[in-house]
Amino acid sequence: MKIAIPITDERFDEVLSKAQKADILEFRVDSFANKDIAFVSGLLQKAKEKGFETILTIRSEKEGGAYVENRVEMFEKLMPLADYTDIELSSTDIITYISRLSKEYNKKLIVSYHNFEMTPANFVIKETIREALRYGDIPKIALKANSYEDVARLMCSAQDIKTPKILISMGEFGKISRIAGFIFGSFISYAYLEKPNAPGQLSLEEMLQLKEMFYLR
């Protein structure tokens, strides 16, 4: 089980110091003020030198990100420097190419799906996971939970998927998934340092306390 912290280039060195107890840094490059490829490369190298694993995420506008003009070029140049790359299932125009790149670079590809309104029917969840696995190694399913039943449905719908996966129920009802997901095989949970990056996200300190309370390792 690993804890990831989404970061930007804002106060990077300070954030790096505060995040020392996290396992992974998710580089939300779409939110960087400076998107120069050489600059971002340098920050990825610095994170690696500090012992962090990294996720390269250039989130599309469709799923809560921002427009990046040279998005494909950034994937091409930065993917070799990261441990994981995250691409949305909805990025149909480039996902096949990014999938092929990840295999060429021998890098793990997270294929993500976000629904900020609801948790769809169980068969939709299962089909979304299957579709994600067509392109990548790790399906990431993040769904708005409008009840605790929604949380349970997501966890149970994905339980029989034996490959590594990331399961997140967003919102107040979904907070429990941030730590309980590990039981159902979700191997990464996202936390924050100063303010939540997504509805229902817990702080790094809260995650560390709960992890120690409920898990031996």
Protein backbone atom coordinates (compact mmCIF):
# COMPACT_ATOMS: atom_id res chain seq x y z
CA MET A 1 0.00 0.00 0.00
CA LYS A 2 1.37 3.37 -1.04
CA ILE A 3 0.40 6.98 -0.36
CA ALA A 4 0.72 9.52 -3.18
CA ILE A 5 0.74 13.31 -2.90
CA PRO A 6 -0.34 15.40 -5.93
CA ILE A 7 2.04 18.33 -6.38
CA THR A 8 2.71 21.27 -8.71
CA ASP A 9 5.85 23.37 -9.15
CA GLU A 10 4.69 25.87 -6.52
CA ARG A 11 7.14 25.99 -3.58
CA PHE A 12 8.54 22.71 -4.87
CA ASP A 13 11.49 22.30 -2.50
CA GLU A 14 9.34 23.10 0.53
CA VAL A 15 6.68 20.59 -0.56
CA LEU A 16 9.37 17.98 -1.19
CA SER A 17 10.55 18.38 2.39
CA LYS A 18 7.05 18.21 3.88
CA ALA A 19 6.14 15.13 1.82
CA GLN A 20 9.00 12.96 3.05
CA LYS A 21 6.66 10.39 4.65
CA ALA A 22 4.75 9.86 1.39
CA ASP A 23 5.74 7.13 -1.05
CA ILE A 24 4.86 8.74 -4.38
CA LEU A 25 4.66 12.25 -5.80
CA GLU A 26 2.06 12.78 -8.52
CA PHE A 27 3.34 15.51 -10.83
CA ARG A 28 0.18 17.38 -11.93
CA VAL A 29 1.96 19.02 -14.82
CA ASP A 30 -1.27 20.49 -16.20
CA SER A 31 -1.32 22.73 -13.10
CA PHE A 32 2.33 23.79 -13.30
CA ALA A 33 3.03 27.49 -13.75
CA ASN A 34 6.19 26.60 -15.67
CA LYS A 35 5.53 23.83 -18.18
CA ASP A 36 8.92 23.97 -19.87
CA ILE A 37 9.95 20.35 -20.48
CA ALA A 38 13.53 20.84 -19.31
CA PHE A 39 12.27 22.47 -16.10
CA VAL A 40 9.81 19.65 -15.35
CA SER A 41 12.50 17.07 -16.13
CA GLY A 42 14.74 18.66 -13.53
CA LEU A 43 12.03 18.44 -10.87
CA LEU A 44 11.35 14.78 -11.67
CA GLN A 45 15.05 14.05 -11.29
CA LYS A 46 15.16 15.92 -7.99
CA ALA A 47 12.22 13.90 -6.64
CA LYS A 48 13.93 10.67 -7.68
CA GLU A 49 17.13 11.73 -5.91
CA LYS A 50 15.09 12.26 -2.74
CA GLY A 51 13.82 8.66 -2.93
CA PHE A 52 10.28 9.27 -4.21
CA GLU A 53 8.50 7.30 -6.87
CA THR A 54 6.70 9.57 -9.32
CA ILE A 55 3.50 9.64 -11.38
CA LEU A 56 3.43 11.81 -14.49
CA THR A 57 -0.08 13.25 -14.89
CA ILE A 58 -1.08 15.81 -17.51
CA ARG A 59 -4.79 15.80 -16.75
CA SER A 60 -7.11 16.75 -19.61
CA GLU A 61 -9.74 19.46 -19.40
CA LYS A 62 -12.45 16.79 -19.71
CA GLU A 63 -11.58 15.37 -16.30
CA GLY A 64 -10.66 18.34 -14.17
CA GLY A 65 -7.33 19.34 -15.68
CA ALA A 66 -6.18 22.21 -17.86
CA TYR A 67 -5.32 22.62 -21.52
CA VAL A 68 -1.67 21.90 -22.35
CA GLU A 69 -0.73 22.72 -25.94
CA ASN A 70 2.19 20.29 -26.29
CA ARG A 71 0.67 17.51 -24.16
CA VAL A 72 1.80 14.64 -26.39
CA GLU A 73 5.35 15.96 -26.60
CA MET A 74 5.45 16.22 -22.81
CA PHE A 75 4.39 12.59 -22.48
CA GLU A 76 7.06 11.59 -24.99
CA LYS A 77 9.87 13.45 -23.23
CA LEU A 78 8.87 13.01 -19.59
CA MET A 79 7.52 9.46 -19.44
CA PRO A 80 11.02 7.89 -19.29
CA LEU A 81 11.74 9.92 -16.14
CA ALA A 82 8.64 8.83 -14.17
CA ASP A 83 7.76 5.50 -12.59
CA TYR A 84 4.12 5.72 -13.66
CA THR A 85 2.20 7.73 -16.23
CA ASP A 86 -1.52 8.55 -15.88
CA ILE A 87 -3.72 8.95 -18.96
CA GLU A 88 -7.51 9.28 -18.98
CA LEU A 89 -9.60 6.62 -20.69
CA SER A 90 -11.49 9.53 -22.27
CA SER A 91 -8.34 10.74 -24.08
CA THR A 92 -9.33 8.64 -27.07
CA ASP A 93 -7.28 10.70 -29.52
CA ILE A 94 -3.93 9.81 -27.94
CA ILE A 95 -4.42 6.85 -25.58
CA THR A 96 -3.37 4.19 -28.10
CA TYR A 97 -0.15 6.07 -28.81
CA ILE A 98 0.57 6.70 -25.12
CA SER A 99 -0.07 3.01 -24.42
CA ARG A 100 2.46 2.02 -27.07
CA LEU A 101 5.00 4.49 -25.68
CA SER A 102 4.66 3.06 -22.18
CA LYS A 103 5.51 -0.40 -23.51
CA GLU A 104 8.49 0.94 -25.46
CA TYR A 105 9.79 2.71 -22.36
CA ASN A 106 8.87 -0.25 -20.11
CA LYS A 107 6.88 2.05 -17.82
CA LYS A 108 3.66 1.34 -15.91
CA LEU A 109 0.61 3.08 -17.38
CA ILE A 110 -2.30 4.11 -15.17
CA VAL A 111 -5.52 4.46 -17.17
CA SER A 112 -7.92 6.62 -15.21
CA TYR A 113 -11.65 7.22 -15.29
CA HIS A 114 -13.38 9.94 -13.24
CA ASN A 115 -17.08 10.51 -12.63
CA PHE A 116 -17.62 13.58 -10.45
CA GLU A 117 -21.41 13.14 -10.28
CA MET A 118 -22.21 9.54 -9.38
CA THR A 119 -21.19 5.90 -9.06
CA PRO A 120 -22.64 4.07 -12.07
CA ALA A 121 -24.09 0.55 -12.13
CA ASN A 122 -21.82 -2.35 -11.24
CA PHE A 123 -21.65 -3.66 -14.80
CA VAL A 124 -20.50 -0.21 -15.99
CA ILE A 125 -17.71 -0.21 -13.39
CA LYS A 126 -16.57 -3.68 -14.47
CA GLU A 127 -16.65 -2.77 -18.16
CA THR A 128 -14.74 0.46 -17.50
CA ILE A 129 -12.01 -1.51 -15.74
CA ARG A 130 -11.82 -4.01 -18.59
CA GLU A 131 -11.56 -1.16 -21.11
CA ALA A 132 -8.80 0.51 -19.08
CA LEU A 133 -6.82 -2.73 -19.03
CA ARG A 134 -6.93 -2.83 -22.83
CA TYR A 135 -4.54 0.11 -22.85
CA GLY A 136 -2.65 0.10 -19.58
CA ASP A 137 -1.41 -1.81 -16.59
CA ILE A 138 -3.33 -0.17 -13.75
CA PRO A 139 -6.98 0.91 -13.91
CA LYS A 140 -7.76 3.94 -11.74
CA ILE A 141 -11.49 4.35 -11.06
CA ALA A 142 -12.53 7.52 -9.17
CA LEU A 143 -16.29 7.91 -8.68
CA LYS A 144 -18.47 10.30 -6.68
CA ALA A 145 -20.15 8.39 -3.85
CA ASN A 146 -23.63 9.63 -2.92
CA SER A 147 -24.05 6.95 -0.26
CA TYR A 148 -22.01 4.34 1.59
CA GLU A 149 -23.63 1.77 -0.67
CA ASP A 150 -21.88 3.46 -3.60
CA VAL A 151 -18.55 2.96 -1.86
CA ALA A 152 -19.29 -0.71 -1.22
CA ARG A 153 -20.38 -1.26 -4.82
CA LEU A 154 -17.15 0.17 -6.24
CA MET A 155 -14.98 -1.87 -3.91
CA CYS A 156 -16.87 -5.13 -4.50
CA SER A 157 -17.24 -4.64 -8.26
CA ALA A 158 -13.48 -4.43 -8.64
CA GLN A 159 -12.52 -7.04 -6.06
CA ASP A 160 -12.13 -9.86 -8.58
CA ILE A 161 -9.67 -7.83 -10.69
CA LYS A 162 -6.36 -9.32 -9.62
CA THR A 163 -4.05 -6.88 -11.37
CA PRO A 164 -2.88 -3.75 -9.50
CA LYS A 165 -5.65 -1.13 -9.39
CA ILE A 166 -6.59 2.18 -7.81
CA LEU A 167 -10.13 2.56 -6.41
CA ILE A 168 -11.39 5.89 -5.10
CA SER A 169 -14.83 6.96 -3.94
CA MET A 170 -14.93 10.77 -3.92
CA GLY A 171 -16.92 13.04 -1.64
CA GLU A 172 -17.83 12.92 2.06
CA PHE A 173 -19.30 9.41 1.84
CA GLY A 174 -16.20 8.29 -0.01
CA LYS A 175 -13.64 9.28 2.62
CA ILE A 176 -13.63 5.74 4.02
CA SER A 177 -12.39 4.43 0.66
CA ARG A 178 -9.15 6.36 1.03
CA ILE A 179 -7.96 3.85 3.63
CA ALA A 180 -10.37 0.90 3.17
CA GLY A 181 -9.48 0.60 -0.51
CA PHE A 182 -6.27 -1.18 0.45
CA ILE A 183 -8.34 -4.15 1.70
CA PHE A 184 -9.87 -4.53 -1.76
CA GLY A 185 -6.56 -4.44 -3.59
CA SER A 186 -6.26 -0.71 -4.29
CA PHE A 187 -2.52 -0.19 -3.93
CA ILE A 188 -2.28 3.62 -4.11
CA SER A 189 -4.27 6.19 -2.16
CA TYR A 190 -3.95 9.94 -2.71
CA ALA A 191 -3.57 12.41 0.16
CA TYR A 192 -2.81 16.11 0.46
CA LEU A 193 -0.37 18.31 2.36
CA GLU A 194 -2.21 21.64 2.70
CA LYS A 195 -5.59 21.47 0.94
CA PRO A 196 -7.54 18.66 -0.76
CA ASN A 197 -7.03 18.12 -4.48
CA ALA A 198 -10.24 16.09 -4.76
CA PRO A 199 -13.50 15.79 -2.78
CA GLY A 200 -13.10 13.66 0.34
CA GLN A 201 -9.32 13.48 0.22
CA LEU A 202 -7.55 13.04 3.57
CA SER A 203 -4.34 14.75 4.66
CA LEU A 204 -1.03 12.90 4.63
CA GLU A 205 -0.92 12.93 8.43
CA GLU A 206 -4.43 11.49 8.68
CA MET A 207 -3.55 8.78 6.17
CA LEU A 208 -0.38 7.85 8.03
CA GLN A 209 -2.24 7.64 11.35
CA LEU A 210 -5.01 5.47 9.88
CA LYS A 211 -2.54 3.25 8.07
CA GLU A 212 -0.67 2.64 11.32
CA MET A 213 -3.93 2.02 13.18
CA PHE A 214 -5.47 -0.48 10.75
CA TYR A 215 -2.52 -2.11 8.95
CA LEU A 216 0.54 -3.84 10.29
CA ARG A 217 2.66 -2.72 7.33
